[in-house]
C-alpha atoms as a PDB file:
ATOM      1  CA  MET A   1     -71.242 -79.923-165.430  1.00  0.00           C
ATOM      2  CA  THR A   2     -73.308 -76.961-166.495  1.00  0.00           C
ATOM      3  CA  THR A   3     -71.810 -73.809-167.956  1.00  0.00           C
ATOM      4  CA  LYS A   4     -72.979 -71.863-164.898  1.00  0.00           C
ATOM      5  CA  THR A   5     -71.261 -74.263-162.478  1.00  0.00           C
ATOM      6  CA  ARG A   6     -68.075 -74.228-164.547  1.00  0.00           C
ATOM      7  CA  ASN A   7     -68.011 -70.430-164.530  1.00  0.00           C
ATOM      8  CA  ARG A   8     -68.426 -70.411-160.761  1.00  0.00           C
ATOM      9  CA  LEU A   9     -65.511 -72.795-160.332  1.00  0.00           C
ATOM     10  CA  ILE A  10     -63.348 -70.649-162.594  1.00  0.00           C
ATOM     11  CA  PHE A  11     -64.327 -67.554-160.624  1.00  0.00           C
ATOM     12  CA  VAL A  12     -63.498 -69.249-157.303  1.00  0.00           C
ATOM     13  CA  PHE A  13     -60.177 -70.479-158.645  1.00  0.00           C
ATOM     14  CA  ILE A  14     -59.119 -67.130-160.076  1.00  0.00           C
ATOM     15  CA  PHE A  15     -60.068 -65.060-157.053  1.00  0.00           C
ATOM     16  CA  GLY A  16     -59.569 -67.658-154.340  1.00  0.00           C
ATOM     17  CA  PHE A  17     -56.231 -69.121-155.378  1.00  0.00           C
ATOM     18  CA  PRO A  18     -54.163 -66.067-154.285  1.00  0.00           C
ATOM     19  CA  PHE A  19     -55.739 -66.234-150.820  1.00  0.00           C
ATOM     20  CA  VAL A  20     -54.946 -69.935-150.584  1.00  0.00           C
ATOM     21  CA  VAL A  21     -51.339 -69.217-151.523  1.00  0.00           C
ATOM     22  CA  LEU A  22     -51.152 -66.362-149.012  1.00  0.00           C
ATOM     23  CA  PHE A  23     -52.676 -68.498-146.267  1.00  0.00           C
ATOM     24  CA  GLY A  24     -50.253 -71.312-147.027  1.00  0.00           C
ATOM     25  CA  PHE A  25     -47.345 -68.868-146.886  1.00  0.00           C
ATOM     26  CA  LEU A  26     -48.460 -67.506-143.527  1.00  0.00           C
ATOM     27  CA  ILE A  27     -48.852 -71.004-142.107  1.00  0.00           C
ATOM     28  CA  SER A  28     -45.385 -71.954-143.351  1.00  0.00           C
ATOM     29  CA  GLN A  29     -43.964 -68.882-141.622  1.00  0.00           C
ATOM     30  CA  ILE A  30     -45.635 -69.869-138.359  1.00  0.00           C
ATOM     31  CA  VAL A  31     -44.833 -73.563-138.302  1.00  0.00           C
ATOM     32  CA  GLY A  32     -41.483 -73.348-140.111  1.00  0.00           C
ATOM     33  CA  PRO A  33     -38.509 -74.205-137.890  1.00  0.00           C
ATOM     34  CA  LEU A  34     -36.318 -71.419-136.562  1.00  0.00           C
ATOM     35  CA  PRO A  35     -32.632 -71.888-135.758  1.00  0.00           C
ATOM     36  CA  PRO A  36     -32.079 -73.074-132.183  1.00  0.00           C
ATOM     37  CA  VAL A  37     -31.548 -70.350-129.605  1.00  0.00           C
ATOM     38  CA  GLN A  38     -27.853 -70.189-128.792  1.00  0.00           C
ATOM     39  CA  PRO A  39     -27.046 -70.571-125.098  1.00  0.00           C
ATOM     40  CA  LEU A  40     -25.546 -67.508-123.460  1.00  0.00           C
ATOM     41  CA  PRO A  41     -21.877 -67.710-122.563  1.00  0.00           C
ATOM     42  CA  ASN A  42     -21.012 -68.111-118.898  1.00  0.00           C
ATOM     43  CA  PRO A  43     -19.564 -65.751-117.882  1.00  0.00           C
ATOM     44  CA  ASN A  44     -21.167 -63.379-120.360  1.00  0.00           C
ATOM     45  CA  GLY A  45     -19.086 -60.270-121.000  1.00  0.00           C
ATOM     46  CA  TYR A  46     -22.244 -58.346-121.895  1.00  0.00           C
ATOM     47  CA  ASP A  47     -23.327 -58.471-118.242  1.00  0.00           C
ATOM     48  CA  ASP A  48     -20.149 -56.581-117.359  1.00  0.00           C
ATOM     49  CA  PHE A  49     -20.911 -53.983-120.037  1.00  0.00           C
ATOM     50  CA  VAL A  50     -24.324 -53.285-118.512  1.00  0.00           C
ATOM     51  CA  LYS A  51     -22.841 -52.918-115.026  1.00  0.00           C
ATOM     52  CA  ALA A  52     -20.007 -50.728-116.314  1.00  0.00           C
ATOM     53  CA  GLY A  53     -22.449 -48.466-118.157  1.00  0.00           C
ATOM     54  CA  LYS A  54     -24.169 -47.642-114.878  1.00  0.00           C
ATOM     55  CA  MET A  55     -20.849 -46.573-113.329  1.00  0.00           C
ATOM     56  CA  VAL A  56     -19.781 -43.999-115.938  1.00  0.00           C
ATOM     57  CA  SER A  57     -19.251 -40.385-114.879  1.00  0.00           C
ATOM     58  CA  THR A  58     -21.544 -37.873-116.579  1.00  0.00           C
ATOM     59  CA  ASN A  59     -18.486 -35.650-117.187  1.00  0.00           C
ATOM     60  CA  SER A  60     -17.237 -38.084-119.836  1.00  0.00           C
ATOM     61  CA  TRP A  61     -19.124 -36.271-122.594  1.00  0.00           C
ATOM     62  CA  ASN A  62     -17.069 -33.080-122.098  1.00  0.00           C
ATOM     63  CA  TYR A  63     -13.755 -34.538-123.339  1.00  0.00           C
ATOM     64  CA  ASP A  64     -13.287 -32.012-126.167  1.00  0.00           C
ATOM     65  CA  SER A  65     -13.515 -28.939-123.941  1.00  0.00           C
ATOM     66  CA  ALA A  66     -11.929 -30.391-120.771  1.00  0.00           C
ATOM     67  CA  ASN A  67      -8.507 -29.254-119.589  1.00  0.00           C
ATOM     68  CA  LEU A  68      -5.775 -31.593-118.401  1.00  0.00           C
ATOM     69  CA  ALA A  69      -6.876 -31.588-114.753  1.00  0.00           C
ATOM     70  CA  GLN A  70     -10.489 -32.286-115.704  1.00  0.00           C
ATOM     71  CA  LEU A  71      -9.454 -35.131-117.994  1.00  0.00           C
ATOM     72  CA  ARG A  72      -7.411 -36.715-115.219  1.00  0.00           C
ATOM     73  CA  GLU A  73     -10.282 -36.371-112.782  1.00  0.00           C
ATOM     74  CA  THR A  74     -12.747 -37.973-115.219  1.00  0.00           C
ATOM     75  CA  VAL A  75     -10.363 -40.812-116.087  1.00  0.00           C
ATOM     76  CA  ALA A  76      -9.934 -41.547-112.386  1.00  0.00           C
ATOM     77  CA  ALA A  77     -13.695 -41.483-111.855  1.00  0.00           C
ATOM     78  CA  ASN A  78     -14.204 -43.945-114.726  1.00  0.00           C
ATOM     79  CA  ALA A  79     -11.327 -46.278-113.890  1.00  0.00           C
ATOM     80  CA  GLY A  80     -13.602 -48.894-112.347  1.00  0.00           C
ATOM     81  CA  ALA A  81     -16.118 -48.764-115.206  1.00  0.00           C
ATOM     82  CA  LEU A  82     -13.422 -49.147-117.877  1.00  0.00           C
ATOM     83  CA  ALA A  83     -11.711 -51.977-115.996  1.00  0.00           C
ATOM     84  CA  LEU A  84     -15.036 -53.814-115.825  1.00  0.00           C
ATOM     85  CA  ALA A  85     -15.763 -53.187-119.516  1.00  0.00           C
ATOM     86  CA  ARG A  86     -12.325 -54.509-120.475  1.00  0.00           C
ATOM     87  CA  ALA A  87     -12.881 -57.557-118.287  1.00  0.00           C
ATOM     88  CA  GLY A  88     -16.105 -58.129-120.219  1.00  0.00           C
ATOM     89  CA  MET A  89     -14.270 -57.904-123.536  1.00  0.00           C
ATOM     90  CA  SER A  90     -11.869 -60.620-122.392  1.00  0.00           C
ATOM     91  CA  ASN A  91     -14.819 -63.031-122.166  1.00  0.00           C
ATOM     92  CA  GLU A  92     -17.252 -64.232-124.788  1.00  0.00           C
ATOM     93  CA  CYS A  93     -20.056 -61.696-125.230  1.00  0.00           C
ATOM     94  CA  ARG A  94     -23.642 -62.042-126.366  1.00  0.00           C
ATOM     95  CA  VAL A  95     -26.683 -59.785-125.992  1.00  0.00           C
ATOM     96  CA  PRO A  96     -29.175 -61.683-123.769  1.00  0.00           C
ATOM     97  CA  LEU A  97     -32.244 -61.401-125.985  1.00  0.00           C
ATOM     98  CA  GLN A  98     -35.647 -61.999-124.462  1.00  0.00           C
ATOM     99  CA  PHE A  99     -38.601 -62.983-126.614  1.00  0.00           C
ATOM    100  CA  SER A 100     -41.077 -60.631-124.981  1.00  0.00           C
ATOM    101  CA  LYS A 101     -43.036 -57.656-126.303  1.00  0.00           C
ATOM    102  CA  ASP A 102     -41.701 -55.606-123.354  1.00  0.00           C
ATOM    103  CA  TYR A 103     -38.082 -56.481-124.067  1.00  0.00           C
ATOM    104  CA  MET A 104     -37.199 -53.494-126.242  1.00  0.00           C
ATOM    105  CA  THR A 105     -38.594 -51.009-123.735  1.00  0.00           C
ATOM    106  CA  ASN A 106     -36.544 -52.553-120.936  1.00  0.00           C
ATOM    107  CA  HIS A 107     -33.456 -52.943-123.140  1.00  0.00           C
ATOM    108  CA  ILE A 108     -33.158 -49.226-123.926  1.00  0.00           C
ATOM    109  CA  SER A 109     -31.598 -48.462-120.535  1.00  0.00           C
ATOM    110  CA  ASP A 110     -28.870 -51.044-121.204  1.00  0.00           C
ATOM    111  CA  LEU A 111     -28.144 -49.446-124.584  1.00  0.00           C
ATOM    112  CA  VAL A 112     -27.938 -45.970-123.038  1.00  0.00           C
ATOM    113  CA  GLY A 113     -25.352 -47.236-120.549  1.00  0.00           C
ATOM    114  CA  ILE A 114     -23.361 -48.983-123.271  1.00  0.00           C
ATOM    115  CA  ARG A 115     -23.391 -45.855-125.426  1.00  0.00           C
ATOM    116  CA  SER A 116     -22.117 -43.817-122.464  1.00  0.00           C
ATOM    117  CA  LEU A 117     -19.020 -46.021-122.172  1.00  0.00           C
ATOM    118  CA  ALA A 118     -17.698 -44.794-125.531  1.00  0.00           C
ATOM    119  CA  PRO A 119     -16.815 -41.271-124.304  1.00  0.00           C
ATOM    120  CA  ALA A 120     -15.289 -42.808-121.178  1.00  0.00           C
ATOM    121  CA  PHE A 121     -12.795 -44.649-123.402  1.00  0.00           C
ATOM    122  CA  LEU A 122     -12.246 -41.456-125.391  1.00  0.00           C
ATOM    123  CA  VAL A 123     -11.477 -39.374-122.295  1.00  0.00           C
ATOM    124  CA  GLU A 124      -8.773 -41.890-121.457  1.00  0.00           C
ATOM    125  CA  GLY A 125      -7.401 -41.562-124.982  1.00  0.00           C
ATOM    126  CA  LYS A 126      -7.553 -37.774-124.944  1.00  0.00           C
ATOM    127  CA  LEU A 127      -5.632 -37.666-121.677  1.00  0.00           C
ATOM    128  CA  ALA A 128      -2.960 -39.943-123.126  1.00  0.00           C
ATOM    129  CA  GLU A 129      -2.654 -37.656-126.163  1.00  0.00           C
ATOM    130  CA  LYS A 130      -2.265 -34.538-124.003  1.00  0.00           C
ATOM    131  CA  GLU A 131       0.363 -36.311-121.912  1.00  0.00           C
ATOM    132  CA  ASN A 132       2.260 -37.247-125.094  1.00  0.00           C
ATOM    133  CA  ARG A 133       1.477 -40.971-124.821  1.00  0.00           C
ATOM    134  CA  PRO A 134       0.182 -41.667-128.348  1.00  0.00           C
ATOM    135  CA  ALA A 135       0.620 -45.443-128.056  1.00  0.00           C
ATOM    136  CA  ASP A 136      -1.616 -45.489-124.973  1.00  0.00           C
ATOM    137  CA  ALA A 137      -4.132 -43.276-126.754  1.00  0.00           C
ATOM    138  CA  ALA A 138      -4.182 -45.725-129.675  1.00  0.00           C
ATOM    139  CA  LYS A 139      -4.910 -48.560-127.267  1.00  0.00           C
ATOM    140  CA  SER A 140      -7.857 -46.659-125.792  1.00  0.00           C
ATOM    141  CA  TYR A 141      -9.298 -46.027-129.246  1.00  0.00           C
ATOM    142  CA  LEU A 142      -8.769 -49.650-130.287  1.00  0.00           C
ATOM    143  CA  ASP A 143     -10.577 -50.714-127.126  1.00  0.00           C
ATOM    144  CA  THR A 144     -13.449 -48.412-128.116  1.00  0.00           C
ATOM    145  CA  ILE A 145     -13.715 -50.179-131.480  1.00  0.00           C
ATOM    146  CA  HIS A 146     -13.458 -53.592-129.820  1.00  0.00           C
ATOM    147  CA  PHE A 147     -16.157 -52.618-127.341  1.00  0.00           C
ATOM    148  CA  GLY A 148     -18.463 -51.464-130.140  1.00  0.00           C
ATOM    149  CA  ASN A 149     -18.105 -54.847-131.846  1.00  0.00           C
ATOM    150  CA  GLU A 150     -18.664 -56.971-128.744  1.00  0.00           C
ATOM    151  CA  SER A 151     -21.514 -54.926-127.268  1.00  0.00           C
ATOM    152  CA  SER A 152     -23.718 -55.698-130.273  1.00  0.00           C
ATOM    153  CA  ARG A 153     -22.798 -59.359-130.772  1.00  0.00           C
ATOM    154  CA  GLY A 154     -25.853 -61.598-130.871  1.00  0.00           C
ATOM    155  CA  GLY A 155     -28.271 -58.675-130.724  1.00  0.00           C
ATOM    156  CA  VAL A 156     -30.834 -57.177-133.072  1.00  0.00           C
ATOM    157  CA  LEU A 157     -30.664 -54.143-135.352  1.00  0.00           C
ATOM    158  CA  ILE A 158     -30.883 -51.557-132.572  1.00  0.00           C
ATOM    159  CA  ASP A 159     -27.898 -53.184-130.834  1.00  0.00           C
ATOM    160  CA  GLN A 160     -25.970 -53.007-134.085  1.00  0.00           C
ATOM    161  CA  MET A 161     -26.844 -49.335-134.550  1.00  0.00           C
ATOM    162  CA  VAL A 162     -25.424 -48.495-131.119  1.00  0.00           C
ATOM    163  CA  GLY A 163     -22.380 -50.732-131.638  1.00  0.00           C
ATOM    164  CA  THR A 164     -21.672 -49.143-135.022  1.00  0.00           C
ATOM    165  CA  ALA A 165     -21.884 -45.648-133.494  1.00  0.00           C
ATOM    166  CA  VAL A 166     -19.402 -46.630-130.770  1.00  0.00           C
ATOM    167  CA  GLU A 167     -17.052 -48.206-133.302  1.00  0.00           C
ATOM    168  CA  ALA A 168     -17.239 -45.076-135.478  1.00  0.00           C
ATOM    169  CA  ILE A 169     -16.125 -42.885-132.567  1.00  0.00           C
ATOM    170  CA  GLY A 170     -13.066 -45.032-131.917  1.00  0.00           C
ATOM    171  CA  THR A 171     -12.199 -45.248-135.612  1.00  0.00           C
ATOM    172  CA  SER A 172     -12.419 -41.486-136.079  1.00  0.00           C
ATOM    173  CA  HIS A 173     -10.092 -40.703-133.185  1.00  0.00           C
ATOM    174  CA  LEU A 174      -7.550 -43.373-134.116  1.00  0.00           C
ATOM    175  CA  THR A 175      -7.513 -42.136-137.719  1.00  0.00           C
ATOM    176  CA  ASN A 176      -6.564 -38.650-136.511  1.00  0.00           C
ATOM    177  CA  LEU A 177      -3.718 -40.148-134.467  1.00  0.00           C
ATOM    178  CA  VAL A 178      -1.987 -42.231-137.157  1.00  0.00           C
ATOM    179  CA  ASP A 179       0.719 -39.698-138.055  1.00  0.00           C
ATOM    180  CA  GLN A 180       1.758 -39.389-134.399  1.00  0.00           C
ATOM    181  CA  LEU A 181       2.410 -43.105-133.922  1.00  0.00           C
ATOM    182  CA  ASP A 182       5.750 -44.897-134.278  1.00  0.00           C
ATOM    183  CA  ALA A 183       6.254 -47.873-136.581  1.00  0.00           C
ATOM    184  CA  LYS A 184       5.816 -50.491-133.853  1.00  0.00           C
ATOM    185  CA  THR A 185       2.514 -49.036-132.625  1.00  0.00           C
ATOM    186  CA  CYS A 186       1.209 -48.662-136.197  1.00  0.00           C
ATOM    187  CA  ARG A 187       2.076 -52.266-137.026  1.00  0.00           C
ATOM    188  CA  GLU A 188       0.539 -53.624-133.825  1.00  0.00           C
ATOM    189  CA  SER A 189      -2.573 -51.458-134.186  1.00  0.00           C
ATOM    190  CA  ALA A 190      -3.075 -52.578-137.787  1.00  0.00           C
ATOM    191  CA  ALA A 191      -2.781 -56.226-136.709  1.00  0.00           C
ATOM    192  CA  THR A 192      -5.233 -55.709-133.826  1.00  0.00           C
ATOM    193  CA  LEU A 193      -7.731 -53.920-136.032  1.00  0.00           C
ATOM    194  CA  GLU A 194      -7.402 -56.537-138.762  1.00  0.00           C
ATOM    195  CA  ASN A 195      -8.179 -59.232-136.195  1.00  0.00           C
ATOM    196  CA  LEU A 196     -11.180 -57.319-134.813  1.00  0.00           C
ATOM    197  CA  ASP A 197     -12.538 -56.808-138.316  1.00  0.00           C
ATOM    198  CA  SER A 198     -12.241 -60.520-139.121  1.00  0.00           C
ATOM    199  CA  GLN A 199     -14.164 -61.456-135.949  1.00  0.00           C
ATOM    200  CA  LYS A 200     -16.944 -58.928-136.464  1.00  0.00           C
ATOM    201  CA  GLN A 201     -20.421 -60.322-137.036  1.00  0.00           C
ATOM    202  CA  SER A 202     -21.445 -60.404-140.671  1.00  0.00           C
ATOM    203  CA  LEU A 203     -24.350 -58.370-141.955  1.00  0.00           C
ATOM    204  CA  SER A 204     -26.270 -61.542-142.835  1.00  0.00           C
ATOM    205  CA  GLU A 205     -25.932 -62.799-139.254  1.00  0.00           C
ATOM    206  CA  ILE A 206     -27.265 -59.520-137.863  1.00  0.00           C
ATOM    207  CA  LEU A 207     -30.280 -59.488-140.183  1.00  0.00           C
ATOM    208  CA  GLN A 208     -30.995 -63.131-139.385  1.00  0.00           C
ATOM    209  CA  GLN A 209     -30.909 -62.392-135.649  1.00  0.00           C
ATOM    210  CA  GLU A 210     -33.415 -59.584-136.127  1.00  0.00           C
ATOM    211  CA  ASN A 211     -35.699 -61.843-138.162  1.00  0.00           C
ATOM    212  CA  ASP A 212     -35.493 -64.712-135.659  1.00  0.00           C
ATOM    213  CA  TRP A 213     -36.204 -62.419-132.712  1.00  0.00           C
ATOM    214  CA  SER A 214     -39.250 -60.941-134.458  1.00  0.00           C
ATOM    215  CA  HIS A 215     -40.705 -64.359-135.300  1.00  0.00           C
ATOM    216  CA  ARG A 216     -40.154 -65.728-131.792  1.00  0.00           C
ATOM    217  CA  THR A 217     -41.582 -62.640-130.083  1.00  0.00           C
ATOM    218  CA  TYR A 218     -44.552 -61.849-132.294  1.00  0.00           C
ATOM    219  CA  THR A 219     -46.236 -65.146-133.161  1.00  0.00           C
ATOM    220  CA  GLY A 220     -49.472 -66.079-134.914  1.00  0.00           C
ATOM    221  CA  ILE A 221     -51.185 -65.302-138.215  1.00  0.00           C
ATOM    222  CA  ARG A 222     -52.018 -61.746-137.126  1.00  0.00           C
ATOM    223  CA  TYR A 223     -48.348 -60.796-136.790  1.00  0.00           C
ATOM    224  CA  GLU A 224     -47.412 -62.623-139.992  1.00  0.00           C
ATOM    225  CA  ILE A 225     -49.974 -60.478-141.820  1.00  0.00           C
ATOM    226  CA  ILE A 226     -48.581 -57.342-140.160  1.00  0.00           C
ATOM    227  CA  ARG A 227     -45.041 -58.337-141.140  1.00  0.00           C
ATOM    228  CA  LEU A 228     -46.137 -59.016-144.700  1.00  0.00           C
ATOM    229  CA  THR A 229     -48.052 -55.748-145.105  1.00  0.00           C
ATOM    230  CA  THR A 230     -45.413 -53.541-143.437  1.00  0.00           C
ATOM    231  CA  ARG A 231     -42.320 -55.167-144.974  1.00  0.00           C
ATOM    232  CA  LYS A 232     -42.054 -52.613-147.771  1.00  0.00           C
ATOM    233  CA  SER A 233     -42.409 -49.643-145.428  1.00  0.00           C
ATOM    234  CA  LEU A 234     -39.646 -51.019-143.175  1.00  0.00           C
ATOM    235  CA  LEU A 235     -37.160 -51.543-146.000  1.00  0.00           C
ATOM    236  CA  PRO A 236     -35.781 -47.946-145.918  1.00  0.00           C
ATOM    237  CA  ALA A 237     -34.984 -48.221-142.186  1.00  0.00           C
ATOM    238  CA  GLN A 238     -33.293 -51.569-142.690  1.00  0.00           C
ATOM    239  CA  ALA A 239     -31.410 -50.214-145.692  1.00  0.00           C
ATOM    240  CA  ALA A 240     -30.137 -47.319-143.543  1.00  0.00           C
ATOM    241  CA  VAL A 241     -28.710 -49.762-140.985  1.00  0.00           C
ATOM    242  CA  VAL A 242     -27.087 -51.785-143.769  1.00  0.00           C
ATOM    243  CA  ARG A 243     -25.611 -48.621-145.303  1.00  0.00           C
ATOM    244  CA  LYS A 244     -24.163 -47.415-141.993  1.00  0.00           C
ATOM    245  CA  PHE A 245     -22.741 -50.877-141.301  1.00  0.00           C
ATOM    246  CA  LYS A 246     -20.948 -50.975-144.660  1.00  0.00           C
ATOM    247  CA  GLN A 247     -19.764 -47.372-144.382  1.00  0.00           C
ATOM    248  CA  GLN A 248     -18.235 -48.081-140.993  1.00  0.00           C
ATOM    249  CA  GLN A 249     -16.676 -51.305-142.237  1.00  0.00           C
ATOM    250  CA  THR A 250     -15.138 -49.299-145.078  1.00  0.00           C
ATOM    251  CA  ARG A 251     -13.688 -46.724-142.652  1.00  0.00           C
ATOM    252  CA  THR A 252     -12.272 -49.488-140.469  1.00  0.00           C
ATOM    253  CA  ARG A 253     -10.540 -51.140-143.411  1.00  0.00           C
ATOM    254  CA  GLN A 254      -9.222 -47.824-144.682  1.00  0.00           C
ATOM    255  CA  LEU A 255      -7.742 -47.280-141.216  1.00  0.00           C
ATOM    256  CA  ILE A 256      -6.117 -50.724-141.284  1.00  0.00           C
ATOM    257  CA  ILE A 257      -4.440 -49.770-144.559  1.00  0.00           C
ATOM    258  CA  ALA A 258      -3.390 -46.344-143.234  1.00  0.00           C
ATOM    259  CA  LEU A 259      -1.772 -47.874-140.139  1.00  0.00           C
ATOM    260  CA  ALA A 260       0.026 -50.571-142.138  1.00  0.00           C
ATOM    261  CA  ALA A 261       1.210 -48.070-144.764  1.00  0.00           C
ATOM    262  CA  ARG A 262       2.472 -45.697-142.055  1.00  0.00           C
ATOM    263  CA  ALA A 263       4.442 -48.515-140.395  1.00  0.00           C
ATOM    264  CA  TYR A 264       5.932 -49.460-143.775  1.00  0.00           C
ATOM    265  CA  GLU A 265       6.895 -45.848-144.507  1.00  0.00           C
ATOM    266  CA  LEU A 266       8.582 -45.387-141.140  1.00  0.00           C
ATOM    267  CA  ASP A 267      10.488 -48.651-141.573  1.00  0.00           C
ATOM    268  CA  LYS A 268      11.481 -48.241-145.235  1.00  0.00           C
ATOM    269  CA  GLY A 269      11.747 -44.484-145.529  1.00  0.00           C
ATOM    270  CA  LYS A 270       9.169 -44.357-148.340  1.00  0.00           C
ATOM    271  CA  PRO A 271       5.456 -45.167-148.679  1.00  0.00           C
ATOM    272  CA  PRO A 272       4.424 -48.492-150.205  1.00  0.00           C
ATOM    273  CA  ALA A 273       3.805 -48.399-153.935  1.00  0.00           C
ATOM    274  CA  SER A 274       0.777 -50.683-153.602  1.00  0.00           C
ATOM    275  CA  LEU A 275      -1.070 -52.846-151.099  1.00  0.00           C
ATOM    276  CA  ALA A 276       0.953 -55.814-152.299  1.00  0.00           C
ATOM    277  CA  ASP A 277       4.035 -54.229-150.664  1.00  0.00           C
ATOM    278  CA  LEU A 278       2.334 -54.557-147.271  1.00  0.00           C
ATOM    279  CA  MET A 279       1.926 -58.320-147.581  1.00  0.00           C
ATOM    280  CA  PRO A 280       2.651 -60.283-145.424  1.00  0.00           C
ATOM    281  CA  ASP A 281       4.720 -58.244-142.953  1.00  0.00           C
ATOM    282  CA  TYR A 282       2.190 -55.475-142.389  1.00  0.00           C
ATOM    283  CA  LEU A 283      -1.112 -57.039-143.517  1.00  0.00           C
ATOM    284  CA  LYS A 284      -2.367 -60.628-143.430  1.00  0.00           C
ATOM    285  CA  ALA A 285      -4.576 -59.988-146.443  1.00  0.00           C
ATOM    286  CA  ILE A 286      -5.638 -57.101-148.644  1.00  0.00           C
ATOM    287  CA  PRO A 287      -8.865 -55.659-147.156  1.00  0.00           C
ATOM    288  CA  GLN A 288     -11.991 -56.053-149.277  1.00  0.00           C
ATOM    289  CA  ASP A 289     -14.282 -53.165-150.167  1.00  0.00           C
ATOM    290  CA  PRO A 290     -17.637 -53.934-148.439  1.00  0.00           C
ATOM    291  CA  LEU A 291     -19.548 -52.207-151.241  1.00  0.00           C
ATOM    292  CA  THR A 292     -17.931 -53.949-154.221  1.00  0.00           C
ATOM    293  CA  GLY A 293     -16.372 -57.097-152.788  1.00  0.00           C
ATOM    294  CA  THR A 294     -13.109 -56.239-154.543  1.00  0.00           C
ATOM    295  CA  ASN A 295      -9.722 -55.200-153.118  1.00  0.00           C
ATOM    296  CA  MET A 296      -9.637 -51.828-151.396  1.00  0.00           C
ATOM    297  CA  ILE A 297      -7.946 -49.075-153.394  1.00  0.00           C
ATOM    298  CA  TYR A 298      -4.734 -47.552-152.020  1.00  0.00           C
ATOM    299  CA  SER A 299      -3.156 -44.301-153.176  1.00  0.00           C
ATOM    300  CA  PRO A 300       0.351 -43.464-151.832  1.00  0.00           C
ATOM    301  CA  ARG A 301       0.546 -40.122-150.060  1.00  0.00           C
END
């Protein structure tokens, strides 16, 4: 082999090897197996959510400024929609993903309807508060949180963003109600919320669903190159979803502790000295901090 030929081979290896590696990576992404598509439940509670969203009264958004008569009128107008949404929550729920480039455009209308159900639940809760029925108000707010969880199950990041927003609304209103609840309602609400939190989709599942949907919808080397070249630019948006998810999970777990501690205080006549005092009568387990993975911190009032 001549020196000239050897230098050419070295040149090809040095400059060509990265392209070979990149090409091999792209091929592996295309031909690599994806998890099997999970069959939709039958009946699927999500179908009820979509139908219920189309039935919601537009007056639902005015719950903060509405008087008692207006609240009653809006609750009556939304009775059918809320009954249907609750029927959906009693069944297994899963977002019916479609692996089509037009899917997201068509899916937006479903998300708008689902988002509009949150204030419908809140109007019901606000009416219960004004009528001095705090236990009923707590149930409405718990149903809002439950609905937020189930409406995003099996979906992609945009479904999770809407579900997290709905859950945040319910959590905020229930947090403001804690001091008005009796011991029984606090204990039951803490148990319900603890159960909902344990059944919530994990962050890893949500990110995996987004990744699987993208790879099934946008196939071929062209889209693998686009994914590879735009991955860095998309990281801030994904990080924002992750941050909001963990922030909401933190608020939910803080609320679980607040409800359990309030029940303990009403029963015992004094606040718990630590989270250990709430075990096992008021909490099944000490909630974990989503940011650190350690036990949540509790400070007696």
